[in-house]
C-alpha atoms as a PDB file:
ATOM      1  CA  MET A   1      84.517 124.770  81.696  1.00  0.00           C
ATOM      2  CA  ILE A   2      87.630 126.923  82.088  1.00  0.00           C
ATOM      3  CA  ALA A   3      88.405 128.412  85.462  1.00  0.00           C
ATOM      4  CA  GLY A   4      88.273 132.103  86.126  1.00  0.00           C
ATOM      5  CA  PRO A   5      91.241 133.992  87.610  1.00  0.00           C
ATOM      6  CA  MET A   6      90.232 133.441  91.227  1.00  0.00           C
ATOM      7  CA  THR A   7      89.861 129.689  90.781  1.00  0.00           C
ATOM      8  CA  GLN A   8      93.195 129.368  89.015  1.00  0.00           C
ATOM      9  CA  THR A   9      94.928 131.478  91.654  1.00  0.00           C
ATOM     10  CA  ALA A  10      93.488 129.341  94.443  1.00  0.00           C
ATOM     11  CA  ALA A  11      94.688 126.169  92.711  1.00  0.00           C
ATOM     12  CA  ALA A  12      98.125 127.642  92.089  1.00  0.00           C
ATOM     13  CA  SER A  13      98.602 128.234  95.823  1.00  0.00           C
ATOM     14  CA  GLY A  14      97.095 124.954  97.047  1.00  0.00           C
ATOM     15  CA  ARG A  15      98.789 122.198  99.026  1.00  0.00           C
ATOM     16  CA  LEU A  16      99.599 120.237  95.862  1.00  0.00           C
ATOM     17  CA  ALA A  17     100.528 123.219  93.698  1.00  0.00           C
ATOM     18  CA  GLY A  18     103.118 122.313  91.101  1.00  0.00           C
ATOM     19  CA  ARG A  19     102.666 118.568  91.618  1.00  0.00           C
ATOM     20  CA  SER A  20     101.126 115.980  89.331  1.00  0.00           C
ATOM     21  CA  ALA A  21      98.727 113.215  90.366  1.00  0.00           C
ATOM     22  CA  VAL A  22      97.158 110.182  88.743  1.00  0.00           C
ATOM     23  CA  VAL A  23      93.893 108.945  90.254  1.00  0.00           C
ATOM     24  CA  ILE A  24      92.746 105.462  89.266  1.00  0.00           C
ATOM     25  CA  GLY A  25      89.024 104.737  89.480  1.00  0.00           C
ATOM     26  CA  ALA A  26      88.122 108.423  89.367  1.00  0.00           C
ATOM     27  CA  SER A  27      84.750 108.193  87.624  1.00  0.00           C
ATOM     28  CA  SER A  28      82.702 107.892  90.830  1.00  0.00           C
ATOM     29  CA  GLY A  29      82.751 107.607  94.605  1.00  0.00           C
ATOM     30  CA  ILE A  30      85.997 107.966  96.525  1.00  0.00           C
ATOM     31  CA  GLY A  31      88.201 108.239  93.434  1.00  0.00           C
ATOM     32  CA  ARG A  32      86.050 111.048  92.088  1.00  0.00           C
ATOM     33  CA  ALA A  33      86.270 112.968  95.367  1.00  0.00           C
ATOM     34  CA  ILE A  34      90.056 112.547  95.524  1.00  0.00           C
ATOM     35  CA  ALA A  35      90.509 113.782  91.958  1.00  0.00           C
ATOM     36  CA  LEU A  36      88.400 116.872  92.602  1.00  0.00           C
ATOM     37  CA  ARG A  37      90.107 117.658  95.925  1.00  0.00           C
ATOM     38  CA  PHE A  38      93.577 117.257  94.436  1.00  0.00           C
ATOM     39  CA  ALA A  39      92.646 119.520  91.527  1.00  0.00           C
ATOM     40  CA  ARG A  40      91.315 122.187  93.896  1.00  0.00           C
ATOM     41  CA  GLU A  41      94.643 122.007  95.744  1.00  0.00           C
ATOM     42  CA  GLY A  42      96.615 122.768  92.593  1.00  0.00           C
ATOM     43  CA  ALA A  43      97.651 119.333  91.291  1.00  0.00           C
ATOM     44  CA  ARG A  44      97.932 118.536  87.599  1.00  0.00           C
ATOM     45  CA  ILE A  45      95.531 115.640  87.099  1.00  0.00           C
ATOM     46  CA  LEU A  46      95.291 112.499  84.994  1.00  0.00           C
ATOM     47  CA  LEU A  47      92.152 110.432  85.617  1.00  0.00           C
ATOM     48  CA  SER A  48      91.593 106.772  84.875  1.00  0.00           C
ATOM     49  CA  TYR A  49      88.288 104.951  84.525  1.00  0.00           C
ATOM     50  CA  HIS A  50      87.149 101.558  83.249  1.00  0.00           C
ATOM     51  CA  ARG A  51      83.541 101.410  82.036  1.00  0.00           C
ATOM     52  CA  ASN A  52      81.906 104.576  83.376  1.00  0.00           C
ATOM     53  CA  VAL A  53      82.882 106.987  80.610  1.00  0.00           C
ATOM     54  CA  ALA A  54      79.976 109.341  81.382  1.00  0.00           C
ATOM     55  CA  GLY A  55      81.040 109.615  85.014  1.00  0.00           C
ATOM     56  CA  ALA A  56      84.651 110.158  84.002  1.00  0.00           C
ATOM     57  CA  ALA A  57      83.662 112.892  81.540  1.00  0.00           C
ATOM     58  CA  ASP A  58      81.673 114.661  84.248  1.00  0.00           C
ATOM     59  CA  VAL A  59      84.593 114.554  86.686  1.00  0.00           C
ATOM     60  CA  LEU A  60      87.006 115.714  84.007  1.00  0.00           C
ATOM     61  CA  ALA A  61      84.830 118.726  83.235  1.00  0.00           C
ATOM     62  CA  GLN A  62      84.888 119.740  86.904  1.00  0.00           C
ATOM     63  CA  VAL A  63      88.615 119.086  87.286  1.00  0.00           C
ATOM     64  CA  ARG A  64      89.324 121.284  84.272  1.00  0.00           C
ATOM     65  CA  ALA A  65      87.941 124.245  86.192  1.00  0.00           C
ATOM     66  CA  PHE A  66      91.229 124.042  88.105  1.00  0.00           C
ATOM     67  CA  ASP A  67      93.503 122.216  85.641  1.00  0.00           C
ATOM     68  CA  PRO A  68      92.526 122.960  82.019  1.00  0.00           C
ATOM     69  CA  ALA A  69      95.122 120.450  80.790  1.00  0.00           C
ATOM     70  CA  ALA A  70      93.659 117.525  82.741  1.00  0.00           C
ATOM     71  CA  GLU A  71      92.980 114.334  80.798  1.00  0.00           C
ATOM     72  CA  PHE A  72      91.329 110.974  81.299  1.00  0.00           C
ATOM     73  CA  VAL A  73      92.297 107.492  80.119  1.00  0.00           C
ATOM     74  CA  GLY A  74      90.238 104.311  79.979  1.00  0.00           C
ATOM     75  CA  ALA A  75      91.959 101.226  81.374  1.00  0.00           C
ATOM     76  CA  ASP A  76      91.214  97.879  82.978  1.00  0.00           C
ATOM     77  CA  VAL A  77      93.728  97.776  85.844  1.00  0.00           C
ATOM     78  CA  SER A  78      93.398  94.000  86.180  1.00  0.00           C
ATOM     79  CA  ALA A  79      94.892  93.618  82.669  1.00  0.00           C
ATOM     80  CA  GLU A  80      98.663  94.025  82.462  1.00  0.00           C
ATOM     81  CA  PRO A  81      98.739  95.493  78.910  1.00  0.00           C
ATOM     82  CA  ASP A  82      96.250  98.180  79.959  1.00  0.00           C
ATOM     83  CA  VAL A  83      98.318  99.007  83.031  1.00  0.00           C
ATOM     84  CA  GLU A  84     101.531  99.220  81.009  1.00  0.00           C
ATOM     85  CA  ARG A  85      99.857 101.588  78.547  1.00  0.00           C
ATOM     86  CA  LEU A  86      98.326 103.686  81.327  1.00  0.00           C
ATOM     87  CA  VAL A  87     101.538 104.067  83.314  1.00  0.00           C
ATOM     88  CA  ALA A  88     103.720 104.741  80.282  1.00  0.00           C
ATOM     89  CA  GLY A  89     101.295 107.395  79.082  1.00  0.00           C
ATOM     90  CA  ALA A  90     101.110 109.027  82.502  1.00  0.00           C
ATOM     91  CA  PHE A  91     104.885 109.360  82.834  1.00  0.00           C
ATOM     92  CA  ALA A  92     105.211 110.501  79.225  1.00  0.00           C
ATOM     93  CA  ARG A  93     103.427 113.672  80.339  1.00  0.00           C
ATOM     94  CA  GLY A  94     106.207 114.319  82.873  1.00  0.00           C
ATOM     95  CA  PRO A  95     107.110 113.210  86.412  1.00  0.00           C
ATOM     96  CA  VAL A  96     104.245 111.782  88.456  1.00  0.00           C
ATOM     97  CA  ASP A  97     104.390 112.911  92.077  1.00  0.00           C
ATOM     98  CA  VAL A  98     101.338 111.085  93.439  1.00  0.00           C
ATOM     99  CA  TRP A  99      99.649 107.890  92.257  1.00  0.00           C
ATOM    100  CA  VAL A 100      96.330 106.867  93.853  1.00  0.00           C
ATOM    101  CA  ASN A 101      95.034 103.326  93.333  1.00  0.00           C
ATOM    102  CA  SER A 102      91.356 103.754  94.177  1.00  0.00           C
ATOM    103  CA  ALA A 103      89.749 101.462  91.601  1.00  0.00           C
ATOM    104  CA  GLY A 104      87.335  99.047  93.251  1.00  0.00           C
ATOM    105  CA  ALA A 105      85.067  96.282  92.003  1.00  0.00           C
ATOM    106  CA  ASP A 106      81.375  96.751  92.746  1.00  0.00           C
ATOM    107  CA  ILE A 107      80.122  93.420  94.100  1.00  0.00           C
ATOM    108  CA  LEU A 108      77.271  94.923  96.097  1.00  0.00           C
ATOM    109  CA  THR A 109      75.071  96.876  93.677  1.00  0.00           C
ATOM    110  CA  GLY A 110      73.792  96.567  90.115  1.00  0.00           C
ATOM    111  CA  ALA A 111      75.153  93.712  88.036  1.00  0.00           C
ATOM    112  CA  GLY A 112      77.805  92.955  90.644  1.00  0.00           C
ATOM    113  CA  ALA A 113      75.184  92.024  93.212  1.00  0.00           C
ATOM    114  CA  ARG A 114      73.861  89.301  90.892  1.00  0.00           C
ATOM    115  CA  LEU A 115      77.189  87.503  90.527  1.00  0.00           C
ATOM    116  CA  THR A 116      77.884  84.230  92.292  1.00  0.00           C
ATOM    117  CA  ASP A 117      80.132  84.329  95.350  1.00  0.00           C
ATOM    118  CA  LEU A 118      83.017  82.877  93.351  1.00  0.00           C
ATOM    119  CA  GLN A 119      82.538  85.447  90.582  1.00  0.00           C
ATOM    120  CA  LYS A 120      82.488  88.235  93.183  1.00  0.00           C
ATOM    121  CA  LEU A 121      85.695  86.900  94.718  1.00  0.00           C
ATOM    122  CA  ASP A 122      87.428  86.702  91.342  1.00  0.00           C
ATOM    123  CA  LEU A 123      86.325  90.234  90.450  1.00  0.00           C
ATOM    124  CA  ALA A 124      87.401  91.784  93.769  1.00  0.00           C
ATOM    125  CA  LEU A 125      90.770  90.064  93.679  1.00  0.00           C
ATOM    126  CA  ALA A 126      91.306  91.088  90.042  1.00  0.00           C
ATOM    127  CA  VAL A 127      90.402  94.764  90.387  1.00  0.00           C
ATOM    128  CA  ASP A 128      91.139  95.719  93.986  1.00  0.00           C
ATOM    129  CA  LEU A 129      94.171  93.540  94.708  1.00  0.00           C
ATOM    130  CA  ARG A 130      95.719  92.632  91.356  1.00  0.00           C
ATOM    131  CA  GLY A 131      95.011  96.110  89.982  1.00  0.00           C
ATOM    132  CA  SER A 132      96.725  97.804  92.923  1.00  0.00           C
ATOM    133  CA  VAL A 133      99.706  95.463  92.670  1.00  0.00           C
ATOM    134  CA  LEU A 134     100.137  95.824  88.901  1.00  0.00           C
ATOM    135  CA  CYS A 135      99.861  99.610  88.978  1.00  0.00           C
ATOM    136  CA  SER A 136     102.192  99.911  91.961  1.00  0.00           C
ATOM    137  CA  TRP A 137     104.848  97.701  90.394  1.00  0.00           C
ATOM    138  CA  GLN A 138     104.737  99.637  87.119  1.00  0.00           C
ATOM    139  CA  VAL A 139     104.871 102.993  88.907  1.00  0.00           C
ATOM    140  CA  ALA A 140     107.499 102.035  91.494  1.00  0.00           C
ATOM    141  CA  GLN A 141     110.617 101.914  89.341  1.00  0.00           C
ATOM    142  CA  ARG A 142     109.709 105.095  87.485  1.00  0.00           C
ATOM    143  CA  MET A 143     109.259 106.957  90.765  1.00  0.00           C
ATOM    144  CA  ARG A 144     112.553 105.590  92.073  1.00  0.00           C
ATOM    145  CA  ASN A 145     114.281 106.724  88.882  1.00  0.00           C
ATOM    146  CA  GLN A 146     112.895 110.248  89.279  1.00  0.00           C
ATOM    147  CA  GLY A 147     113.979 110.198  92.941  1.00  0.00           C
ATOM    148  CA  HIS A 148     110.616 110.796  94.624  1.00  0.00           C
ATOM    149  CA  GLY A 149     106.934 109.911  94.663  1.00  0.00           C
ATOM    150  CA  VAL A 150     103.923 108.901  96.720  1.00  0.00           C
ATOM    151  CA  ILE A 151     101.733 105.844  96.161  1.00  0.00           C
ATOM    152  CA  LEU A 152      98.383 105.657  97.957  1.00  0.00           C
ATOM    153  CA  ASN A 153      96.500 102.352  98.027  1.00  0.00           C
ATOM    154  CA  VAL A 154      92.955 101.878  99.289  1.00  0.00           C
ATOM    155  CA  SER A 155      92.175  99.149 101.821  1.00  0.00           C
ATOM    156  CA  TRP A 156      89.303  98.841 104.360  1.00  0.00           C
ATOM    157  CA  ASP A 157      89.248  99.642 108.062  1.00  0.00           C
ATOM    158  CA  HIS A 158      87.482  96.363 108.984  1.00  0.00           C
ATOM    159  CA  VAL A 159      90.323  94.150 107.743  1.00  0.00           C
ATOM    160  CA  ASP A 160      91.817  94.648 111.228  1.00  0.00           C
ATOM    161  CA  CYS A 161      88.780  93.407 113.135  1.00  0.00           C
ATOM    162  CA  GLY A 162      86.569  91.497 110.713  1.00  0.00           C
ATOM    163  CA  ALA A 163      82.904  91.803 109.813  1.00  0.00           C
ATOM    164  CA  PRO A 164      80.284  89.067 109.330  1.00  0.00           C
ATOM    165  CA  GLY A 165      78.824  87.929 106.025  1.00  0.00           C
ATOM    166  CA  ARG A 166      80.049  86.607 102.692  1.00  0.00           C
ATOM    167  CA  PRO A 167      80.467  90.059 101.071  1.00  0.00           C
ATOM    168  CA  SER A 168      82.668  91.109 103.986  1.00  0.00           C
ATOM    169  CA  GLU A 169      84.729  87.942 103.668  1.00  0.00           C
ATOM    170  CA  ILE A 170      85.304  88.633  99.974  1.00  0.00           C
ATOM    171  CA  TYR A 171      86.029  92.309 100.464  1.00  0.00           C
ATOM    172  CA  ALA A 172      88.437  91.621 103.338  1.00  0.00           C
ATOM    173  CA  ALA A 173      90.309  89.036 101.278  1.00  0.00           C
ATOM    174  CA  ALA A 174      91.014  91.645  98.590  1.00  0.00           C
ATOM    175  CA  LYS A 175      91.526  94.690 100.787  1.00  0.00           C
ATOM    176  CA  GLY A 176      93.543  92.784 103.393  1.00  0.00           C
ATOM    177  CA  GLY A 177      95.861  91.808 100.565  1.00  0.00           C
ATOM    178  CA  VAL A 178      96.162  95.453  99.533  1.00  0.00           C
ATOM    179  CA  LEU A 179      97.119  96.387 103.104  1.00  0.00           C
ATOM    180  CA  ALA A 180      99.785  93.682 103.462  1.00  0.00           C
ATOM    181  CA  PHE A 181     101.202  94.307  99.987  1.00  0.00           C
ATOM    182  CA  SER A 182     101.425  98.053 100.587  1.00  0.00           C
ATOM    183  CA  LYS A 183     103.420  97.654 103.795  1.00  0.00           C
ATOM    184  CA  CYS A 184     105.921  95.410 102.003  1.00  0.00           C
ATOM    185  CA  LEU A 185     106.110  97.840  99.087  1.00  0.00           C
ATOM    186  CA  ALA A 186     106.761 100.734 101.482  1.00  0.00           C
ATOM    187  CA  ARG A 187     109.855  98.931 102.762  1.00  0.00           C
ATOM    188  CA  SER A 188     110.980  98.043  99.240  1.00  0.00           C
ATOM    189  CA  LEU A 189     110.751 101.611  97.919  1.00  0.00           C
ATOM    190  CA  ALA A 190     112.028 103.634 100.880  1.00  0.00           C
ATOM    191  CA  PRO A 191     113.509 106.160 101.123  1.00  0.00           C
ATOM    192  CA  GLN A 192     112.794 107.605  97.671  1.00  0.00           C
ATOM    193  CA  VAL A 193     109.101 106.678  97.463  1.00  0.00           C
ATOM    194  CA  ARG A 194     106.484 106.774 100.208  1.00  0.00           C
ATOM    195  CA  VAL A 195     103.667 104.200 100.186  1.00  0.00           C
ATOM    196  CA  ASN A 196     100.677 104.692 102.461  1.00  0.00           C
ATOM    197  CA  ILE A 197      97.259 103.145 102.888  1.00  0.00           C
ATOM    198  CA  LEU A 198      93.827 104.716 103.071  1.00  0.00           C
ATOM    199  CA  ALA A 199      91.357 102.534 104.990  1.00  0.00           C
ATOM    200  CA  PRO A 200      87.817 103.892 104.599  1.00  0.00           C
ATOM    201  CA  GLY A 201      84.982 102.557 106.723  1.00  0.00           C
ATOM    202  CA  TRP A 202      81.254 103.122 106.229  1.00  0.00           C
ATOM    203  CA  ILE A 203      81.269 105.669 103.405  1.00  0.00           C
ATOM    204  CA  GLN A 204      78.213 107.198 101.729  1.00  0.00           C
ATOM    205  CA  THR A 205      78.521 105.718  98.219  1.00  0.00           C
ATOM    206  CA  ALA A 206      76.137 103.857  95.897  1.00  0.00           C
ATOM    207  CA  PHE A 207      76.221 100.881  98.267  1.00  0.00           C
ATOM    208  CA  ALA A 208      74.949 102.981 101.155  1.00  0.00           C
ATOM    209  CA  ASP A 209      72.180 104.482  99.040  1.00  0.00           C
ATOM    210  CA  GLY A 210      70.738 101.009  98.464  1.00  0.00           C
ATOM    211  CA  LEU A 211      70.521 100.011 102.123  1.00  0.00           C
ATOM    212  CA  PRO A 212      67.286 100.126 104.144  1.00  0.00           C
ATOM    213  CA  GLU A 213      66.941 103.262 106.240  1.00  0.00           C
ATOM    214  CA  ALA A 214      66.964 101.216 109.455  1.00  0.00           C
ATOM    215  CA  THR A 215      70.321  99.687 108.512  1.00  0.00           C
ATOM    216  CA  ARG A 216      71.769 103.043 107.620  1.00  0.00           C
ATOM    217  CA  ARG A 217      70.612 104.470 110.937  1.00  0.00           C
ATOM    218  CA  ARG A 218      72.014 101.512 112.902  1.00  0.00           C
ATOM    219  CA  ILE A 219      75.425 101.921 111.287  1.00  0.00           C
ATOM    220  CA  ALA A 220      75.499 105.665 111.974  1.00  0.00           C
ATOM    221  CA  GLU A 221      74.457 105.160 115.587  1.00  0.00           C
ATOM    222  CA  GLY A 222      77.134 102.496 116.033  1.00  0.00           C
ATOM    223  CA  THR A 223      79.863 104.836 114.792  1.00  0.00           C
ATOM    224  CA  PRO A 224      81.459 106.949 117.539  1.00  0.00           C
ATOM    225  CA  LEU A 225      81.287 110.108 115.408  1.00  0.00           C
ATOM    226  CA  GLY A 226      77.604 109.454 114.808  1.00  0.00           C
ATOM    227  CA  ARG A 227      77.353 109.484 111.024  1.00  0.00           C
ATOM    228  CA  TRP A 228      78.385 107.852 107.780  1.00  0.00           C
ATOM    229  CA  GLY A 229      81.565 109.105 106.180  1.00  0.00           C
ATOM    230  CA  THR A 230      81.564 110.857 102.832  1.00  0.00           C
ATOM    231  CA  PRO A 231      83.895 110.442  99.867  1.00  0.00           C
ATOM    232  CA  GLU A 232      85.113 113.945 100.692  1.00  0.00           C
ATOM    233  CA  ASP A 233      86.201 112.746 104.143  1.00  0.00           C
ATOM    234  CA  VAL A 234      88.420 110.165 102.460  1.00  0.00           C
ATOM    235  CA  ALA A 235      89.686 112.743  99.975  1.00  0.00           C
ATOM    236  CA  GLY A 236      90.821 114.948 102.854  1.00  0.00           C
ATOM    237  CA  ALA A 237      92.843 112.071 104.289  1.00  0.00           C
ATOM    238  CA  ALA A 238      94.307 111.360 100.860  1.00  0.00           C
ATOM    239  CA  LEU A 239      95.327 115.001 100.517  1.00  0.00           C
ATOM    240  CA  PHE A 240      97.198 114.844 103.820  1.00  0.00           C
ATOM    241  CA  LEU A 241      99.062 111.652 102.874  1.00  0.00           C
ATOM    242  CA  ALA A 242      99.950 113.107  99.463  1.00  0.00           C
ATOM    243  CA  SER A 243     101.156 116.431 100.862  1.00  0.00           C
ATOM    244  CA  LYS A 244     104.510 117.565 102.235  1.00  0.00           C
ATOM    245  CA  GLU A 245     102.964 117.427 105.700  1.00  0.00           C
ATOM    246  CA  ALA A 246     103.175 113.616 105.553  1.00  0.00           C
ATOM    247  CA  ASP A 247     106.795 113.488 104.382  1.00  0.00           C
ATOM    248  CA  PHE A 248     107.829 111.338 107.360  1.00  0.00           C
ATOM    249  CA  LEU A 249     105.045 108.781 106.910  1.00  0.00           C
ATOM    250  CA  THR A 250     105.417 105.559 104.954  1.00  0.00           C
ATOM    251  CA  GLY A 251     103.748 102.193 105.454  1.00  0.00           C
ATOM    252  CA  ALA A 252     101.104 104.011 107.486  1.00  0.00           C
ATOM    253  CA  THR A 253      97.399 103.157 107.492  1.00  0.00           C
ATOM    254  CA  LEU A 254      94.996 106.049 107.927  1.00  0.00           C
ATOM    255  CA  ARG A 255      91.524 104.804 108.903  1.00  0.00           C
ATOM    256  CA  VAL A 256      88.685 107.042 107.779  1.00  0.00           C
ATOM    257  CA  GLY A 257      85.779 105.431 109.570  1.00  0.00           C
ATOM    258  CA  GLY A 258      84.535 107.716 112.305  1.00  0.00           C
ATOM    259  CA  GLY A 259      86.052 105.510 114.993  1.00  0.00           C
ATOM    260  CA  ALA A 260      84.096 102.346 114.168  1.00  0.00           C
ATOM    261  CA  VAL A 261      87.478 100.562 114.159  1.00  0.00           C
ATOM    262  CA  MET A 262      90.092 101.815 116.583  1.00  0.00           C
END
């Protein structure tokens, strides 16, 4: 679908107009919402997905309403050759202004829920932590060479306070690593490149859809803002961190959790 004049004009004047962005894990959930929001704000978009080609194709079709030249690339971010190919291809298109590492392993629904605890740990560490590290390292020097850039990594708001249960332990191990790594990377890459952290809380994704209604209600009632977050809430925070308005922020963690963690 090609955008009409009004859509293209709106994108051309958006907060990311004239900038390019790569969104990893853009076929669903938070990554999907970030890709769509960035496109609406005028960014040139490259999407990455792993297995969900149908989801990626759907997102790409919507993104092309704002950026007809948008593309998608399949890659396993836990595999170094895939990351090298992905990053080299992204920068071959031109300078990359914003890189968002939002790929995440699903250990809570579908096939992921049936894995053993050790398999879940290995998967979360491989995708969420190793993937963020590999992509960031590959992107870092290229952004330094071009003299600017923003890297956004996705953590979890509860790594600061903890949450009970084996899934939380596994998730915190991976996302806590992302948080610590990102703060070190921010110091390594300053002042040319800014590195910031998105820390979503209880977000309405496929995981939330599978919870009992009573659990969903209890979580909403226990959140100061009285509801679950949406992927679009996280995308709004990502837009701020990627924009010129956040030019004096690096190593910062922006919690998007309705106040559940303060």
